[in-house]
């Protein structure tokens, strides 16, 4: 809203109105606004949830300090959602297709998570929303994202133009000093290419996976891409949900990941930096930096109340939302193959559960008695059972998350 107001004021030559055209300025304003909303609105929402006795139902798993959390207000993910959506409506370019996708993701998965929490809290059904409906919602979002990639004329990447000999065509133009210079010829194209980390020629076309289909590969690659998108969204959103088991763990980890994705969006959406770093340039993706600012502000603001000892839990309303946001954000800036590194905490939490379930079922079938690899899954509960206090586990996971973020960032040059 304010973005378009100041754009109109700029056309009227109002002094200072042009500052809203700068992504860095709006990103800073979004972070401040998001922090303010989450901290002010968060306090009011927590009071409301306490008054209505909307608290977490705790199942006794024998973990230290676990039962003290009983009755702590849940569904706090509403704070995160509002703290993202409102600043974006104020400062974001709502005509930008990537911003539209991120807002749809936030509200879509936020609704699914809210329904799950509502059934648990108000209907007193501990199972919450049936798993098949959650999966259906995640599949639906994946189809929306994939269809946008296929049909939107704004989802493009910039590529060099090659001649018949395989050489990059060049054209003459003038620089800012009005001098003639020779530059590579480029064009914006619809593409199924993505980025592979740690590889010198770091672009990979999903079309190669169906190249055996010959001339049909160009068409059939899109259904494949949609399936990949669905898998990524489902895996990351469920991974965030698994990680949300200790005070501040999922929130802090997500803030670190969000900041890293913001850096990737900035360099991918800046033609000069993309050329310097020799990475894929994605026109109009720079606006995602503003969204990343809202995400960072919302998660850090929520962490104010979610840090140990937590005054509020995000519930599935928050965990599914932040996981989905991270997944779709990485997909639209073509960094989804970096998720196993960047969101390594989510990955290891997911894997720990899979290993635990598989080994228990296998040993029960083979020996008649189920055995466990970990003392408890997900992994953070294993460390709790091992005697580590909750804040120490959370902070050490954050440190690992920061290390993974740094490794992710250096892939821009280290390949």
Protein backbone atom coordinates (compact mmCIF):
# COMPACT_ATOMS: atom_id res chain seq x y z
CA UNK A 1 0.00 0.00 0.00
CA UNK A 2 2.67 2.50 1.07
CA UNK A 3 4.85 1.29 -1.81
CA UNK A 4 2.26 2.45 -4.34
CA UNK A 5 1.48 5.64 -2.44
CA UNK A 6 5.13 6.70 -2.50
CA UNK A 7 5.46 5.58 -6.12
CA UNK A 8 2.64 8.01 -6.94
CA UNK A 9 4.28 10.74 -4.85
CA UNK A 10 7.55 10.13 -6.73
CA UNK A 11 5.77 10.79 -10.01
CA UNK A 12 4.66 14.14 -8.50
CA UNK A 13 8.33 14.88 -7.71
CA UNK A 14 7.73 14.93 -3.94
CA UNK A 15 11.20 15.10 -2.29
CA UNK A 16 12.24 11.85 -0.62
CA UNK A 17 9.44 9.77 -2.09
CA UNK A 18 11.89 7.85 -4.28
CA UNK A 19 13.46 6.18 -1.26
CA UNK A 20 10.71 3.55 -1.37
CA UNK A 21 12.12 2.30 -4.66
CA UNK A 22 15.16 0.96 -2.80
CA UNK A 23 14.80 -2.66 -1.77
CA UNK A 24 17.28 -2.22 1.09
CA UNK A 25 15.24 0.63 2.61
CA UNK A 26 11.97 -1.26 2.41
CA UNK A 27 13.61 -4.38 3.80
CA UNK A 28 14.81 -2.45 6.83
CA UNK A 29 11.37 -0.89 7.32
CA UNK A 30 9.72 -4.31 7.01
CA UNK A 31 12.00 -5.84 9.65
CA UNK A 32 11.24 -3.00 12.08
CA UNK A 33 7.49 -3.15 11.39
CA UNK A 34 7.38 -6.93 11.64
CA UNK A 35 9.28 -6.90 14.93
CA UNK A 36 6.96 -4.24 16.31
CA UNK A 37 3.79 -6.10 15.29
CA UNK A 38 4.99 -9.47 16.57
CA UNK A 39 6.05 -8.08 19.95
CA UNK A 40 3.01 -5.83 20.52
CA UNK A 41 0.35 -8.06 18.96
CA UNK A 42 2.06 -11.14 20.37
CA UNK A 43 1.64 -9.94 23.93
CA UNK A 44 -2.05 -9.25 23.37
CA UNK A 45 -2.63 -12.60 21.69
CA UNK A 46 -0.87 -14.50 24.49
CA UNK A 47 -3.08 -12.75 27.03
CA UNK A 48 -6.17 -13.65 24.96
CA UNK A 49 -5.12 -17.30 24.64
CA UNK A 50 -4.46 -17.50 28.38
CA UNK A 51 -7.83 -15.95 29.14
CA UNK A 52 -9.59 -18.45 26.88
CA UNK A 53 -7.44 -21.26 28.34
CA UNK A 54 -6.19 -22.25 24.91
CA UNK A 55 -3.19 -24.21 26.13
CA UNK A 56 -0.97 -27.02 24.94
CA UNK A 57 -1.93 -30.56 25.91
CA UNK A 58 1.23 -32.35 27.00
CA UNK A 59 1.73 -36.12 26.85
CA UNK A 60 4.15 -37.28 29.55
CA UNK A 61 7.24 -38.66 27.79
CA UNK A 62 9.44 -38.52 30.87
CA UNK A 63 11.43 -35.50 29.68
CA UNK A 64 12.83 -33.02 32.17
CA UNK A 65 10.67 -29.90 32.52
CA UNK A 66 8.10 -31.26 30.08
CA UNK A 67 5.04 -31.22 32.30
CA UNK A 68 5.73 -27.62 33.36
CA UNK A 69 4.79 -26.65 29.80
CA UNK A 70 1.27 -27.96 30.18
CA UNK A 71 -1.26 -25.20 29.57
CA UNK A 72 1.19 -22.91 27.75
CA UNK A 73 -0.79 -21.03 25.06
CA UNK A 74 -0.50 -22.52 21.58
CA UNK A 75 -1.52 -21.43 18.05
CA UNK A 76 1.05 -18.63 18.37
CA UNK A 77 1.88 -19.10 14.70
CA UNK A 78 -0.88 -16.56 14.11
CA UNK A 79 1.61 -13.96 15.39
CA UNK A 80 4.15 -14.99 12.75
CA UNK A 81 1.59 -14.95 9.92
CA UNK A 82 0.21 -11.51 10.77
CA UNK A 83 3.74 -10.14 11.30
CA UNK A 84 4.63 -11.23 7.77
CA UNK A 85 1.46 -10.37 5.88
CA UNK A 86 0.78 -6.88 7.29
CA UNK A 87 4.30 -5.43 6.63
CA UNK A 88 4.27 -6.96 3.15
CA UNK A 89 0.93 -5.33 2.38
CA UNK A 90 2.43 -2.02 3.50
CA UNK A 91 5.89 -2.12 1.94
CA UNK A 92 5.91 -4.90 -0.67
CA UNK A 93 5.36 -4.72 -4.41
CA UNK A 94 2.16 -6.78 -4.52
CA UNK A 95 2.26 -6.96 -8.33
CA UNK A 96 5.45 -9.01 -8.15
CA UNK A 97 4.69 -12.66 -8.91
CA UNK A 98 7.23 -13.93 -6.38
CA UNK A 99 5.72 -11.84 -3.58
CA UNK A 100 2.29 -13.15 -4.54
CA UNK A 101 3.55 -16.73 -4.34
CA UNK A 102 5.09 -16.17 -0.90
CA UNK A 103 1.92 -14.56 0.46
CA UNK A 104 -0.18 -17.43 -0.92
CA UNK A 105 2.22 -19.90 0.72
CA UNK A 106 2.00 -18.10 4.07
CA UNK A 107 -1.80 -17.98 4.13
CA UNK A 108 -2.31 -21.42 2.55
CA UNK A 109 -0.16 -23.42 4.98
CA UNK A 110 -1.12 -21.10 7.83
CA UNK A 111 -4.75 -22.10 7.26
CA UNK A 112 -3.92 -25.81 7.21
CA UNK A 113 -1.89 -25.48 10.40
CA UNK A 114 -4.63 -23.43 12.04
CA UNK A 115 -7.23 -26.11 11.26
CA UNK A 116 -4.95 -28.73 12.78
CA UNK A 117 -4.46 -26.70 15.97
CA UNK A 118 -8.16 -25.81 16.13
CA UNK A 119 -9.17 -29.47 16.06
CA UNK A 120 -6.61 -30.30 18.76
CA UNK A 121 -7.46 -27.42 21.06
CA UNK A 122 -11.18 -26.79 20.59
CA UNK A 123 -12.41 -30.21 19.47
CA UNK A 124 -10.14 -31.93 22.01
CA UNK A 125 -8.91 -34.35 19.34
CA UNK A 126 -5.22 -35.00 19.97
CA UNK A 127 -4.73 -36.33 16.45
CA UNK A 128 -5.68 -32.97 14.93
CA UNK A 129 -6.27 -32.68 11.20
CA UNK A 130 -5.97 -36.03 9.47
CA UNK A 131 -2.62 -36.55 7.79
CA UNK A 132 -4.16 -37.10 4.37
CA UNK A 133 -5.70 -33.61 4.47
CA UNK A 134 -2.35 -32.06 5.41
CA UNK A 135 -0.67 -33.87 2.54
CA UNK A 136 -3.49 -32.82 0.20
CA UNK A 137 -2.95 -29.20 1.21
CA UNK A 138 0.81 -29.44 0.63
CA UNK A 139 0.23 -31.10 -2.75
CA UNK A 140 -2.21 -28.31 -3.66
CA UNK A 141 0.38 -25.66 -2.84
CA UNK A 142 2.99 -27.51 -4.88
CA UNK A 143 0.66 -27.54 -7.88
CA UNK A 144 0.04 -23.79 -7.50
CA UNK A 145 3.79 -23.06 -7.40
CA UNK A 146 4.53 -25.41 -10.31
CA UNK A 147 1.67 -24.01 -12.41
CA UNK A 148 2.93 -20.47 -11.77
CA UNK A 149 6.38 -21.50 -13.01
CA UNK A 150 4.79 -22.96 -16.14
CA UNK A 151 2.18 -20.36 -17.05
CA UNK A 152 3.37 -17.03 -15.63
CA UNK A 153 5.19 -14.78 -18.10
CA UNK A 154 7.05 -13.18 -15.18
CA UNK A 155 8.84 -16.32 -13.94
CA UNK A 156 11.96 -16.14 -16.07
CA UNK A 157 15.73 -16.42 -15.87
CA UNK A 158 18.28 -14.50 -17.92
CA UNK A 159 20.53 -16.51 -20.21
CA UNK A 160 23.23 -15.75 -22.73
CA UNK A 161 22.37 -16.00 -26.43
CA UNK A 162 24.61 -18.37 -28.42
CA UNK A 163 25.27 -18.39 -32.16
CA UNK A 164 25.34 -21.47 -34.41
CA UNK A 165 28.97 -22.09 -33.49
CA UNK A 166 28.20 -22.27 -29.78
CA UNK A 167 29.78 -18.91 -28.98
CA UNK A 168 28.05 -16.19 -26.94
CA UNK A 169 26.70 -13.46 -29.19
CA UNK A 170 27.77 -9.93 -28.31
CA UNK A 171 26.23 -6.53 -28.96
CA UNK A 172 27.46 -2.95 -28.79
CA UNK A 173 25.93 -0.60 -26.23
CA UNK A 174 26.85 2.52 -24.31
CA UNK A 175 27.93 2.68 -20.66
CA UNK A 176 27.09 5.43 -18.16
CA UNK A 177 29.90 7.58 -19.60
CA UNK A 178 28.31 7.28 -23.08
CA UNK A 179 31.22 5.18 -24.35
CA UNK A 180 30.66 2.26 -26.73
CA UNK A 181 31.24 -1.13 -25.09
CA UNK A 182 30.78 -4.72 -26.21
CA UNK A 183 28.62 -6.90 -23.93
CA UNK A 184 27.22 -10.42 -24.02
CA UNK A 185 23.77 -10.68 -25.58
CA UNK A 186 21.15 -12.04 -23.19
CA UNK A 187 17.47 -12.91 -23.18
CA UNK A 188 14.88 -13.66 -20.49
CA UNK A 189 13.48 -17.16 -20.95
CA UNK A 190 11.20 -19.64 -19.21
CA UNK A 191 13.38 -22.41 -17.93
CA UNK A 192 13.46 -25.54 -15.78
CA UNK A 193 17.04 -24.89 -14.77
CA UNK A 194 18.19 -24.70 -11.16
CA UNK A 195 21.45 -24.29 -9.26
CA UNK A 196 23.71 -27.09 -8.03
CA UNK A 197 25.92 -26.15 -5.05
CA UNK A 198 29.68 -26.82 -5.03
CA UNK A 199 29.81 -27.34 -8.81
CA UNK A 200 31.74 -25.05 -11.16
CA UNK A 201 29.19 -25.11 -13.99
CA UNK A 202 26.48 -24.82 -11.40
CA UNK A 203 23.31 -24.92 -13.47
CA UNK A 204 21.26 -28.08 -13.89
CA UNK A 205 18.26 -28.49 -16.17
CA UNK A 206 15.57 -30.88 -14.93
CA UNK A 207 14.94 -31.60 -18.60
CA UNK A 208 17.99 -33.87 -18.51
CA UNK A 209 16.07 -36.26 -16.27
CA UNK A 210 13.56 -36.92 -19.07
CA UNK A 211 15.91 -36.43 -22.02
CA UNK A 212 15.35 -40.08 -23.04
CA UNK A 213 11.83 -39.03 -24.10
CA UNK A 214 13.29 -37.08 -27.01
CA UNK A 215 11.16 -34.26 -28.41
CA UNK A 216 8.55 -34.75 -25.67
CA UNK A 217 11.05 -33.89 -22.92
CA UNK A 218 10.32 -30.15 -23.08
CA UNK A 219 6.65 -30.75 -22.25
CA UNK A 220 6.91 -33.67 -19.85
CA UNK A 221 9.59 -32.02 -17.71
CA UNK A 222 6.94 -29.74 -16.18
CA UNK A 223 4.90 -32.52 -14.50
CA UNK A 224 8.19 -33.86 -13.16
CA UNK A 225 9.14 -30.43 -11.85
CA UNK A 226 5.76 -30.09 -10.11
CA UNK A 227 6.29 -33.47 -8.41
CA UNK A 228 9.72 -32.31 -7.22
CA UNK A 229 8.23 -29.07 -5.90
CA UNK A 230 5.51 -31.00 -4.03
CA UNK A 231 8.14 -33.28 -2.47
CA UNK A 232 10.30 -30.34 -1.34
CA UNK A 233 7.37 -28.42 0.18
CA UNK A 234 6.11 -31.51 2.01
CA UNK A 235 9.55 -32.50 3.29
CA UNK A 236 10.62 -29.06 4.53
CA UNK A 237 7.28 -28.11 6.12
CA UNK A 238 7.15 -31.46 7.93
CA UNK A 239 10.80 -31.03 8.92
CA UNK A 240 10.03 -27.68 10.53
CA UNK A 241 7.10 -29.32 12.28
CA UNK A 242 9.40 -32.04 13.67
CA UNK A 243 11.93 -29.46 14.83
CA UNK A 244 9.32 -27.52 16.80
CA UNK A 245 9.77 -29.51 19.99
CA UNK A 246 11.91 -27.29 22.21
CA UNK A 247 11.46 -23.65 23.19
CA UNK A 248 12.86 -21.44 20.42
CA UNK A 249 14.43 -24.26 18.42
CA UNK A 250 12.36 -24.06 15.21
CA UNK A 251 11.94 -20.27 15.48
CA UNK A 252 15.63 -19.44 15.84
CA UNK A 253 16.69 -21.97 13.21
CA UNK A 254 14.15 -20.56 10.75
CA UNK A 255 15.35 -16.98 11.33
CA UNK A 256 18.90 -18.05 10.42
CA UNK A 257 17.68 -19.82 7.27
CA UNK A 258 15.50 -16.83 6.34
CA UNK A 259 18.42 -14.41 6.59
CA UNK A 260 20.52 -16.65 4.34
CA UNK A 261 17.76 -16.94 1.75
CA UNK A 262 17.46 -13.15 1.82
CA UNK A 263 21.13 -12.87 0.85
CA UNK A 264 20.62 -15.33 -2.01
CA UNK A 265 17.58 -13.40 -3.22
CA UNK A 266 19.53 -10.13 -3.16
CA UNK A 267 22.44 -11.41 -5.28
CA UNK A 268 20.17 -13.41 -7.62
CA UNK A 269 17.99 -10.35 -8.24
CA UNK A 270 20.88 -7.94 -8.79
CA UNK A 271 22.21 -8.16 -12.33
CA UNK A 272 25.63 -6.73 -11.40
CA UNK A 273 26.22 -9.06 -8.44
CA UNK A 274 24.87 -12.05 -10.34
CA UNK A 275 27.30 -11.35 -13.18
CA UNK A 276 30.21 -10.83 -10.77
CA UNK A 277 29.48 -14.05 -8.88
CA UNK A 278 28.70 -15.90 -12.12
CA UNK A 279 25.35 -17.11 -10.82
CA UNK A 280 21.87 -17.30 -12.32
CA UNK A 281 20.18 -13.90 -12.63
CA UNK A 282 16.45 -14.05 -11.90
CA UNK A 283 14.65 -10.85 -12.95
CA UNK A 284 12.37 -9.30 -10.29
CA UNK A 285 13.45 -11.77 -7.60
CA UNK A 286 15.16 -8.97 -5.65
CA UNK A 287 11.74 -8.06 -4.21
CA UNK A 288 11.96 -11.27 -2.19
CA UNK A 289 14.54 -9.54 0.01
CA UNK A 290 11.66 -7.48 1.39
CA UNK A 291 9.71 -10.66 2.14
CA UNK A 292 12.79 -12.17 3.78
CA UNK A 293 12.95 -9.09 6.00
CA UNK A 294 9.34 -9.65 7.09
CA UNK A 295 10.08 -13.31 7.77
CA UNK A 296 13.17 -12.51 9.84
CA UNK A 297 11.36 -9.83 11.84
CA UNK A 298 8.38 -12.13 12.47
CA UNK A 299 10.46 -15.08 13.66
CA UNK A 300 12.77 -13.01 15.86
CA UNK A 301 9.79 -11.12 17.29
CA UNK A 302 8.05 -14.41 18.03
CA UNK A 303 11.27 -15.71 19.60
CA UNK A 304 10.90 -12.94 22.22
CA UNK A 305 7.99 -14.93 23.66
CA UNK A 306 8.97 -18.40 22.48
CA UNK A 307 12.46 -18.51 24.01
CA UNK A 308 12.98 -20.63 27.12
CA UNK A 309 10.81 -20.77 29.12
CA UNK A 310 8.24 -20.29 26.35
CA UNK A 311 5.22 -18.08 26.98
CA UNK A 312 3.60 -19.34 23.77
CA UNK A 313 4.02 -22.19 21.28
CA UNK A 314 3.64 -21.68 17.53
CA UNK A 315 1.74 -24.93 16.99
CA UNK A 316 1.24 -26.33 13.50
CA UNK A 317 -0.10 -22.89 12.55
CA UNK A 318 3.46 -21.64 12.71
CA UNK A 319 5.65 -24.68 12.03
CA UNK A 320 3.95 -25.74 8.79
CA UNK A 321 3.94 -22.12 7.63
CA UNK A 322 7.61 -21.36 8.23
CA UNK A 323 8.65 -24.68 6.70
CA UNK A 324 6.55 -24.02 3.61
CA UNK A 325 7.89 -20.47 3.29
CA UNK A 326 11.49 -21.71 3.39
CA UNK A 327 10.75 -24.39 0.79
CA UNK A 328 8.94 -22.14 -1.70
CA UNK A 329 11.44 -19.30 -1.20
CA UNK A 330 14.33 -21.64 -2.04
CA UNK A 331 12.45 -22.99 -5.06
CA UNK A 332 11.66 -19.59 -6.61
CA UNK A 333 15.27 -18.41 -6.35
CA UNK A 334 16.42 -21.75 -7.79
CA UNK A 335 18.32 -22.84 -4.66
CA UNK A 336 16.18 -25.85 -3.70
CA UNK A 337 19.08 -28.29 -4.11
CA UNK A 338 20.88 -26.37 -1.35
CA UNK A 339 18.10 -27.10 1.16
CA UNK A 340 19.77 -30.26 2.58
CA UNK A 341 22.69 -28.05 3.63
CA UNK A 342 20.92 -24.82 4.56
CA UNK A 343 18.01 -26.54 6.33
CA UNK A 344 20.20 -29.35 7.60
CA UNK A 345 18.64 -29.12 11.08
CA UNK A 346 15.20 -29.88 9.61
CA UNK A 347 16.69 -32.69 7.55
CA UNK A 348 18.43 -34.44 10.43
CA UNK A 349 15.33 -34.16 12.61
CA UNK A 350 13.27 -35.81 9.84
CA UNK A 351 15.86 -38.51 9.23
CA UNK A 352 16.16 -39.31 12.94
CA UNK A 353 12.42 -40.06 13.07
CA UNK A 354 12.56 -42.17 9.91
CA UNK A 355 15.51 -44.19 11.22
CA UNK A 356 13.85 -44.69 14.60
CA UNK A 357 10.55 -45.89 13.11
CA UNK A 358 12.21 -48.12 10.50
CA UNK A 359 14.59 -49.78 12.97
CA UNK A 360 11.87 -50.31 15.58
CA UNK A 361 9.55 -52.00 13.06
CA UNK A 362 12.38 -54.05 11.53
CA UNK A 363 13.70 -55.36 14.86
CA UNK A 364 10.18 -56.06 16.13
CA UNK A 365 9.46 -58.14 13.07
CA UNK A 366 12.82 -59.94 13.21
CA UNK A 367 13.34 -60.38 16.96
CA UNK A 368 9.81 -59.96 18.29
CA UNK A 369 10.88 -56.88 20.22
CA UNK A 370 11.27 -53.35 18.86
CA UNK A 371 14.66 -51.72 19.41
CA UNK A 372 15.67 -48.07 19.12
CA UNK A 373 18.65 -46.30 17.62
CA UNK A 374 18.02 -43.10 19.59
CA UNK A 375 16.77 -42.78 23.14
CA UNK A 376 13.91 -40.78 21.66
CA UNK A 377 13.11 -39.16 18.33
CA UNK A 378 13.21 -36.49 16.92
CA UNK A 379 16.89 -35.98 17.63
CA UNK A 380 16.52 -33.07 20.05
CA UNK A 381 14.61 -35.34 22.45
CA UNK A 382 17.48 -37.84 22.29
CA UNK A 383 19.77 -35.19 23.74
CA UNK A 384 17.18 -34.36 26.39
CA UNK A 385 17.10 -38.01 27.40
CA UNK A 386 20.91 -37.93 27.49
CA UNK A 387 20.81 -35.30 30.25
CA UNK A 388 21.35 -32.05 28.33
CA UNK A 389 19.24 -29.12 29.50
CA UNK A 390 16.85 -27.61 26.98
CA UNK A 391 18.50 -24.17 26.47
CA UNK A 392 21.90 -25.79 25.81
CA UNK A 393 20.43 -28.09 23.14
CA UNK A 394 18.63 -25.19 21.45
CA UNK A 395 21.65 -22.87 21.40
CA UNK A 396 23.94 -25.59 20.07
CA UNK A 397 21.46 -26.36 17.31
CA UNK A 398 21.42 -22.65 16.48
CA UNK A 399 25.23 -22.66 16.27
CA UNK A 400 25.08 -25.62 13.89
CA UNK A 401 22.41 -23.74 11.90
CA UNK A 402 24.72 -20.71 11.61
CA UNK A 403 27.58 -22.93 10.43
CA UNK A 404 25.32 -24.49 7.79
CA UNK A 405 24.20 -21.01 6.70
CA UNK A 406 27.83 -19.89 6.28
CA UNK A 407 28.62 -23.02 4.25
CA UNK A 408 25.57 -22.28 2.08
CA UNK A 409 26.64 -18.69 1.46
CA UNK A 410 30.19 -19.62 0.46
CA UNK A 411 28.78 -21.85 -2.29
CA UNK A 412 28.34 -18.58 -4.19
CA UNK A 413 32.08 -18.62 -4.83
CA UNK A 414 33.38 -22.00 -3.62
CA UNK A 415 32.66 -24.42 -6.44
